[in-house]
């Protein structure tokens, strides 16, 4: 059994392990978002909450962005201008999503008296709009990766750049100029969660750049099983190195998940390599099934699924409130949001396909 989908001779083979890993990351993303926004604080303190927290960290966002960089290097690239246009549209989509999932529902909630400014705890419709989430990060990272591939197609330089990002990021965090709009732009680079920067470029950019290293190796690989075995071994060494580095100063190197220090970032990089290797082995050892097909579908429509699930979460808060659900209700909500997002993704794709057919026939 192979871990690829057949393609024509002009296309790069699609490796199912990456779709499997990204599909799982999508599932974990939904679970962690429901837990954070809908579940009562005590639910997070349960064993169930602990498991969801762990699944929603290392196997989720780092996997997304690592695979994004990997695909930039691995797949046949469009023209640089096309890649930059895609990045710009993705960046704008990030703020459009902020508006529709956060700003408008919050404004309506205030107007209808569902919440007060005091209950929002410093958050506002404007702060919701200015949040730097993964779409904004992914857009900037995509542009940088495309530029690197075009002007610096050497994985050795990718490793050096990623190492510099990992090692220097903590010393650049929270630098400000005192000028509001300049600092608003700088938070894209090194802001913190309290400023609304969920995914600052430093250190998150290290993951897609390292993904480009593996993607470059895959392009010239004749034995994918051997490459993944090597990847797993390298991942273990990197993970252990990160643990040793972190032990030198745990507080500094761990920092926070959203803005990890050098040691924690190195550990996450090692984990990602091991996780992808395990996904490759699992896909190879087990026959195709409906669960795998579902994960592949989510992965292949990742941006659409991401946007739709956030719309359900953002508008659902008007009905259910923030952090109001007990354990059973939280699990029910996780299932409901996942199912609704899946069905809505399929419905949108079907609608889009019909519209395309009608346009061609007219």
Protein backbone atom coordinates (compact mmCIF):
# COMPACT_ATOMS: atom_id res chain seq x y z
CA UNK A 1 0.00 0.00 0.00
CA UNK A 2 1.36 3.42 -0.87
CA UNK A 3 0.94 6.67 0.94
CA UNK A 4 0.18 8.71 -2.18
CA UNK A 5 -2.65 9.53 -4.51
CA UNK A 6 -2.07 8.84 -8.19
CA UNK A 7 -1.67 11.94 -10.33
CA UNK A 8 -0.77 12.55 -13.94
CA UNK A 9 2.85 12.83 -14.97
CA UNK A 10 2.82 16.63 -14.87
CA UNK A 11 1.67 16.81 -11.25
CA UNK A 12 3.36 16.20 -7.95
CA UNK A 13 2.09 13.09 -6.15
CA UNK A 14 -0.09 13.90 -3.15
CA UNK A 15 1.14 12.27 0.04
CA UNK A 16 -1.81 11.14 2.12
CA UNK A 17 0.07 11.29 5.43
CA UNK A 18 0.00 15.08 5.22
CA UNK A 19 -3.74 15.17 4.55
CA UNK A 20 -4.24 12.73 7.41
CA UNK A 21 -2.20 14.86 9.82
CA UNK A 22 -3.86 18.08 8.71
CA UNK A 23 -7.32 16.50 8.92
CA UNK A 24 -6.61 15.50 12.52
CA UNK A 25 -5.35 19.02 13.21
CA UNK A 26 -8.65 20.41 11.94
CA UNK A 27 -10.59 18.13 14.29
CA UNK A 28 -8.39 19.09 17.25
CA UNK A 29 -8.80 22.76 16.31
CA UNK A 30 -12.59 22.54 16.58
CA UNK A 31 -12.39 20.74 19.92
CA UNK A 32 -10.00 23.23 21.50
CA UNK A 33 -11.95 26.25 20.26
CA UNK A 34 -15.22 24.92 21.69
CA UNK A 35 -13.45 24.15 24.97
CA UNK A 36 -12.00 27.65 25.25
CA UNK A 37 -15.05 29.65 24.20
CA UNK A 38 -18.02 27.56 25.35
CA UNK A 39 -16.96 25.32 28.24
CA UNK A 40 -17.12 26.30 31.88
CA UNK A 41 -13.66 26.82 33.44
CA UNK A 42 -14.04 23.67 35.54
CA UNK A 43 -14.44 21.57 32.39
CA UNK A 44 -10.89 22.52 31.40
CA UNK A 45 -9.71 21.15 34.74
CA UNK A 46 -11.09 17.66 34.03
CA UNK A 47 -9.14 14.81 32.44
CA UNK A 48 -11.20 15.36 29.30
CA UNK A 49 -10.28 19.04 29.25
CA UNK A 50 -6.60 18.21 29.76
CA UNK A 51 -6.62 15.82 26.80
CA UNK A 52 -8.34 18.34 24.54
CA UNK A 53 -5.85 21.03 25.58
CA UNK A 54 -2.92 18.79 24.62
CA UNK A 55 -4.48 17.74 21.30
CA UNK A 56 -5.21 21.37 20.49
CA UNK A 57 -1.61 22.47 20.88
CA UNK A 58 1.36 20.67 19.29
CA UNK A 59 -0.65 18.40 16.91
CA UNK A 60 -2.78 21.31 15.66
CA UNK A 61 -1.52 24.77 14.56
CA UNK A 62 2.19 23.80 14.21
CA UNK A 63 1.12 20.97 11.91
CA UNK A 64 -0.97 23.35 9.79
CA UNK A 65 1.79 25.84 9.17
CA UNK A 66 4.60 23.29 8.82
CA UNK A 67 2.65 21.50 6.08
CA UNK A 68 1.90 24.82 4.41
CA UNK A 69 5.62 25.52 4.05
CA UNK A 70 6.22 21.94 2.98
CA UNK A 71 3.67 22.24 0.17
CA UNK A 72 5.21 25.52 -1.04
CA UNK A 73 8.54 23.75 -1.56
CA UNK A 74 7.15 20.37 -2.67
CA UNK A 75 4.47 21.27 -5.20
CA UNK A 76 4.87 22.88 -8.59
CA UNK A 77 4.73 26.59 -7.91
CA UNK A 78 2.60 29.10 -9.78
CA UNK A 79 4.18 32.37 -10.84
CA UNK A 80 5.51 34.41 -7.94
CA UNK A 81 2.96 37.14 -8.60
CA UNK A 82 0.17 34.57 -8.31
CA UNK A 83 1.52 33.33 -4.97
CA UNK A 84 1.79 36.88 -3.65
CA UNK A 85 -1.75 37.63 -4.81
CA UNK A 86 -2.98 34.54 -2.96
CA UNK A 87 -1.16 35.70 0.14
CA UNK A 88 -2.75 39.14 -0.09
CA UNK A 89 -6.24 37.66 -0.49
CA UNK A 90 -5.64 35.33 2.45
CA UNK A 91 -4.54 38.31 4.56
CA UNK A 92 -7.71 40.21 3.68
CA UNK A 93 -9.79 37.10 4.35
CA UNK A 94 -8.35 37.04 7.87
CA UNK A 95 -9.75 40.47 8.65
CA UNK A 96 -13.03 39.75 6.87
CA UNK A 97 -13.37 36.72 9.14
CA UNK A 98 -12.56 38.87 12.18
CA UNK A 99 -15.37 41.20 11.14
CA UNK A 100 -17.98 38.49 10.56
CA UNK A 101 -17.15 36.09 13.40
CA UNK A 102 -16.27 38.64 16.09
CA UNK A 103 -16.92 42.31 15.46
CA UNK A 104 -20.49 42.08 14.16
CA UNK A 105 -21.75 39.46 16.68
CA UNK A 106 -20.15 41.37 19.56
CA UNK A 107 -21.61 44.69 18.40
CA UNK A 108 -25.06 43.13 18.06
CA UNK A 109 -24.75 41.55 21.50
CA UNK A 110 -23.98 44.97 22.97
CA UNK A 111 -26.84 46.62 21.09
CA UNK A 112 -29.32 43.94 22.17
CA UNK A 113 -28.16 44.05 25.78
CA UNK A 114 -26.96 40.45 25.78
CA UNK A 115 -23.63 41.55 27.25
CA UNK A 116 -22.20 44.72 28.76
CA UNK A 117 -18.85 46.40 28.15
CA UNK A 118 -17.84 45.36 31.67
CA UNK A 119 -18.57 41.71 30.92
CA UNK A 120 -16.36 41.85 27.83
CA UNK A 121 -13.38 42.57 30.05
CA UNK A 122 -11.61 45.09 27.84
CA UNK A 123 -12.51 43.46 24.54
CA UNK A 124 -14.47 45.46 21.99
CA UNK A 125 -15.79 45.12 18.43
CA UNK A 126 -12.68 47.00 17.26
CA UNK A 127 -10.26 44.75 19.15
CA UNK A 128 -12.00 41.72 17.63
CA UNK A 129 -11.45 43.14 14.16
CA UNK A 130 -7.73 43.79 14.79
CA UNK A 131 -6.93 40.28 16.07
CA UNK A 132 -3.94 38.67 14.34
CA UNK A 133 -5.04 35.08 13.86
CA UNK A 134 -3.65 32.20 11.84
CA UNK A 135 -4.97 33.46 8.48
CA UNK A 136 -3.01 36.70 8.76
CA UNK A 137 0.07 34.78 9.84
CA UNK A 138 -0.36 32.19 7.08
CA UNK A 139 -0.67 34.94 4.47
CA UNK A 140 2.59 36.60 5.47
CA UNK A 141 4.34 33.25 5.84
CA UNK A 142 3.09 32.13 2.41
CA UNK A 143 4.52 35.26 0.81
CA UNK A 144 7.87 34.80 2.57
CA UNK A 145 8.06 31.11 1.65
CA UNK A 146 7.22 31.87 -1.98
CA UNK A 147 9.95 34.53 -2.10
CA UNK A 148 12.46 32.15 -0.52
CA UNK A 149 11.64 29.43 -3.03
CA UNK A 150 12.02 31.85 -5.93
CA UNK A 151 15.19 33.67 -4.89
CA UNK A 152 16.89 31.29 -2.44
CA UNK A 153 16.11 27.66 -3.39
CA UNK A 154 18.59 26.12 -0.95
CA UNK A 155 17.36 24.19 2.13
CA UNK A 156 20.59 24.93 3.98
CA UNK A 157 19.65 28.59 4.09
CA UNK A 158 16.15 27.65 5.26
CA UNK A 159 17.68 25.85 8.23
CA UNK A 160 19.87 28.83 9.08
CA UNK A 161 16.96 31.27 8.84
CA UNK A 162 14.70 29.06 10.97
CA UNK A 163 17.44 28.75 13.61
CA UNK A 164 17.89 32.53 13.69
CA UNK A 165 14.15 33.02 14.13
CA UNK A 166 13.99 30.50 16.96
CA UNK A 167 16.98 31.89 18.83
CA UNK A 168 16.35 35.62 18.45
CA UNK A 169 12.55 35.87 18.73
CA UNK A 170 12.34 36.37 22.53
CA UNK A 171 14.66 39.37 22.32
CA UNK A 172 12.37 41.14 19.83
CA UNK A 173 9.04 40.43 21.51
CA UNK A 174 6.96 43.42 22.58
CA UNK A 175 9.22 46.06 21.04
CA UNK A 176 7.11 49.18 20.48
CA UNK A 177 7.59 52.66 19.04
CA UNK A 178 4.84 54.53 20.86
CA UNK A 179 3.06 55.24 17.57
CA UNK A 180 -0.32 53.50 17.56
CA UNK A 181 -0.54 52.36 13.95
CA UNK A 182 3.14 51.45 13.72
CA UNK A 183 2.80 49.30 16.83
CA UNK A 184 -0.40 47.80 15.42
CA UNK A 185 1.63 46.65 12.41
CA UNK A 186 4.53 45.47 14.56
CA UNK A 187 2.27 43.16 16.55
CA UNK A 188 2.04 41.07 13.38
CA UNK A 189 5.73 40.40 13.87
CA UNK A 190 6.14 39.98 17.61
CA UNK A 191 2.97 40.95 19.45
CA UNK A 192 1.43 39.00 22.32
CA UNK A 193 -1.94 37.46 23.08
CA UNK A 194 -3.06 40.41 25.21
CA UNK A 195 -2.47 42.69 22.21
CA UNK A 196 -4.58 40.38 20.05
CA UNK A 197 -1.64 38.70 18.31
CA UNK A 198 -2.51 35.01 18.45
CA UNK A 199 0.10 33.97 15.89
CA UNK A 200 2.98 36.48 15.73
CA UNK A 201 5.47 35.90 12.94
CA UNK A 202 8.19 35.35 15.53
CA UNK A 203 8.62 32.48 16.33
CA UNK A 204 5.82 30.86 14.27
CA UNK A 205 7.57 31.53 10.95
CA UNK A 206 10.16 28.89 11.87
CA UNK A 207 7.65 26.07 11.31
CA UNK A 208 6.74 26.72 7.65
CA UNK A 209 10.36 27.47 6.79
CA UNK A 210 11.42 24.14 8.29
CA UNK A 211 8.54 22.57 6.40
CA UNK A 212 10.20 23.82 3.22
CA UNK A 213 13.29 21.78 4.10
CA UNK A 214 11.31 18.54 4.19
CA UNK A 215 9.35 19.57 1.11
CA UNK A 216 12.58 20.10 -0.83
CA UNK A 217 13.82 16.65 0.18
CA UNK A 218 10.54 15.06 -0.87
CA UNK A 219 10.87 16.47 -4.39
CA UNK A 220 14.04 14.45 -5.01
CA UNK A 221 13.05 11.43 -2.92
CA UNK A 222 12.89 7.96 -4.50
CA UNK A 223 12.07 6.08 -1.29
CA UNK A 224 9.44 7.84 0.77
CA UNK A 225 9.44 5.20 3.51
CA UNK A 226 13.18 5.64 4.05
CA UNK A 227 12.78 9.41 4.13
CA UNK A 228 10.06 9.24 6.78
CA UNK A 229 12.18 6.83 8.84
CA UNK A 230 15.00 9.35 8.69
CA UNK A 231 12.56 12.15 9.50
CA UNK A 232 11.38 10.30 12.60
CA UNK A 233 14.96 9.77 13.81
CA UNK A 234 15.85 13.41 13.22
CA UNK A 235 12.65 14.45 14.99
CA UNK A 236 13.57 12.41 18.05
CA UNK A 237 17.02 14.02 18.21
CA UNK A 238 15.50 17.50 17.80
CA UNK A 239 12.87 16.80 20.46
CA UNK A 240 15.45 15.59 22.98
CA UNK A 241 17.68 18.56 22.19
CA UNK A 242 14.76 20.88 22.87
CA UNK A 243 14.11 19.20 26.19
CA UNK A 244 17.75 19.62 27.23
CA UNK A 245 17.81 23.27 26.18
CA UNK A 246 14.54 23.97 27.99
CA UNK A 247 15.89 22.41 31.18
CA UNK A 248 18.48 25.20 31.36
CA UNK A 249 15.78 27.83 31.99
CA UNK A 250 12.27 26.40 31.91
CA UNK A 251 10.42 29.71 32.30
CA UNK A 252 12.35 31.43 29.51
CA UNK A 253 12.29 28.54 27.06
CA UNK A 254 8.68 27.48 27.62
CA UNK A 255 7.17 31.00 27.73
CA UNK A 256 3.65 30.37 26.35
CA UNK A 257 2.27 28.09 23.66
CA UNK A 258 1.25 31.00 21.44
CA UNK A 259 4.71 32.52 21.77
CA UNK A 260 7.09 29.75 22.72
CA UNK A 261 10.72 30.29 23.68
CA UNK A 262 13.63 28.67 21.83
CA UNK A 263 13.61 25.41 23.77
CA UNK A 264 9.87 24.85 23.41
CA UNK A 265 9.95 25.77 19.71
CA UNK A 266 12.72 23.23 19.14
CA UNK A 267 10.68 20.59 20.99
CA UNK A 268 7.62 21.35 18.86
CA UNK A 269 9.70 21.06 15.67
CA UNK A 270 10.89 17.63 16.79
CA UNK A 271 7.36 16.58 17.68
CA UNK A 272 6.04 17.66 14.26
CA UNK A 273 8.61 15.50 12.46
CA UNK A 274 7.77 12.49 14.63
CA UNK A 275 4.02 13.06 14.31
CA UNK A 276 4.14 13.24 10.52
CA UNK A 277 6.22 10.07 10.41
CA UNK A 278 3.69 8.29 12.62
CA UNK A 279 0.86 9.48 10.38
CA UNK A 280 2.72 8.11 7.36
CA UNK A 281 3.16 4.74 9.04
CA UNK A 282 -0.47 4.57 10.17
CA UNK A 283 -1.80 5.40 6.70
CA UNK A 284 0.49 2.75 5.22
CA UNK A 285 -0.44 0.02 7.71
CA UNK A 286 -4.21 0.45 7.61
CA UNK A 287 -6.61 0.12 4.66
CA UNK A 288 -8.52 3.13 3.34
CA UNK A 289 -11.70 3.81 5.28
CA UNK A 290 -14.42 6.41 5.71
CA UNK A 291 -12.66 8.14 8.60
CA UNK A 292 -9.53 8.64 6.53
CA UNK A 293 -11.57 9.91 3.59
CA UNK A 294 -13.26 12.40 5.92
CA UNK A 295 -9.91 13.67 7.20
CA UNK A 296 -8.58 13.95 3.65
CA UNK A 297 -11.66 15.94 2.64
CA UNK A 298 -11.22 18.37 5.52
CA UNK A 299 -7.54 18.79 4.71
CA UNK A 300 -8.17 19.48 1.04
CA UNK A 301 -10.70 22.17 2.01
CA UNK A 302 -8.89 23.48 5.07
CA UNK A 303 -9.42 27.23 4.58
CA UNK A 304 -13.13 26.88 3.82
CA UNK A 305 -13.69 24.58 6.80
CA UNK A 306 -11.72 26.93 9.05
CA UNK A 307 -13.79 29.97 8.08
CA UNK A 308 -17.11 28.14 8.42
CA UNK A 309 -16.35 26.67 11.85
CA UNK A 310 -15.42 30.13 13.15
CA UNK A 311 -18.67 31.61 11.88
CA UNK A 312 -20.60 28.98 13.82
CA UNK A 313 -18.50 29.61 16.92
CA UNK A 314 -18.70 33.40 16.75
CA UNK A 315 -22.44 33.66 16.17
CA UNK A 316 -23.21 30.77 18.50
CA UNK A 317 -21.86 32.76 21.44
CA UNK A 318 -24.87 35.05 21.12
CA UNK A 319 -27.11 32.05 21.83
CA UNK A 320 -25.11 30.08 24.37
CA UNK A 321 -22.91 32.70 26.05
CA UNK A 322 -19.21 32.55 26.86
CA UNK A 323 -17.97 29.56 28.89
CA UNK A 324 -21.41 28.43 30.04
CA UNK A 325 -21.50 24.74 29.04
CA UNK A 326 -20.88 21.78 31.35
CA UNK A 327 -18.95 18.67 30.29
CA UNK A 328 -21.78 16.85 28.52
CA UNK A 329 -23.00 20.02 26.81
CA UNK A 330 -19.43 20.81 25.74
CA UNK A 331 -19.02 17.41 24.11
CA UNK A 332 -22.37 17.85 22.38
CA UNK A 333 -21.29 21.26 21.10
CA UNK A 334 -18.00 19.84 19.80
CA UNK A 335 -19.88 17.22 17.80
CA UNK A 336 -22.44 19.76 16.58
CA UNK A 337 -19.88 22.32 15.38
CA UNK A 338 -17.80 19.64 13.65
CA UNK A 339 -20.84 18.16 11.91
CA UNK A 340 -22.30 21.54 10.95
CA UNK A 341 -18.95 22.73 9.57
CA UNK A 342 -18.53 19.56 7.53
CA UNK A 343 -22.04 19.71 6.07
CA UNK A 344 -21.75 23.43 5.33
CA UNK A 345 -18.40 22.92 3.61
CA UNK A 346 -19.93 20.24 1.38
CA UNK A 347 -22.98 22.38 0.67
CA UNK A 348 -20.84 25.37 -0.31
CA UNK A 349 -18.67 23.28 -2.62
CA UNK A 350 -21.76 21.78 -4.24
CA UNK A 351 -23.32 25.22 -4.68
CA UNK A 352 -20.09 26.60 -6.12
CA UNK A 353 -19.80 23.70 -8.56
CA UNK A 354 -23.38 24.19 -9.77
CA UNK A 355 -22.80 27.89 -10.24
CA UNK A 356 -19.69 27.19 -12.28
CA UNK A 357 -21.56 24.74 -14.51
CA UNK A 358 -24.43 27.18 -15.03
CA UNK A 359 -22.01 29.97 -15.93
CA UNK A 360 -20.22 27.81 -18.51
CA UNK A 361 -23.52 26.73 -20.07
CA UNK A 362 -24.92 30.25 -20.37
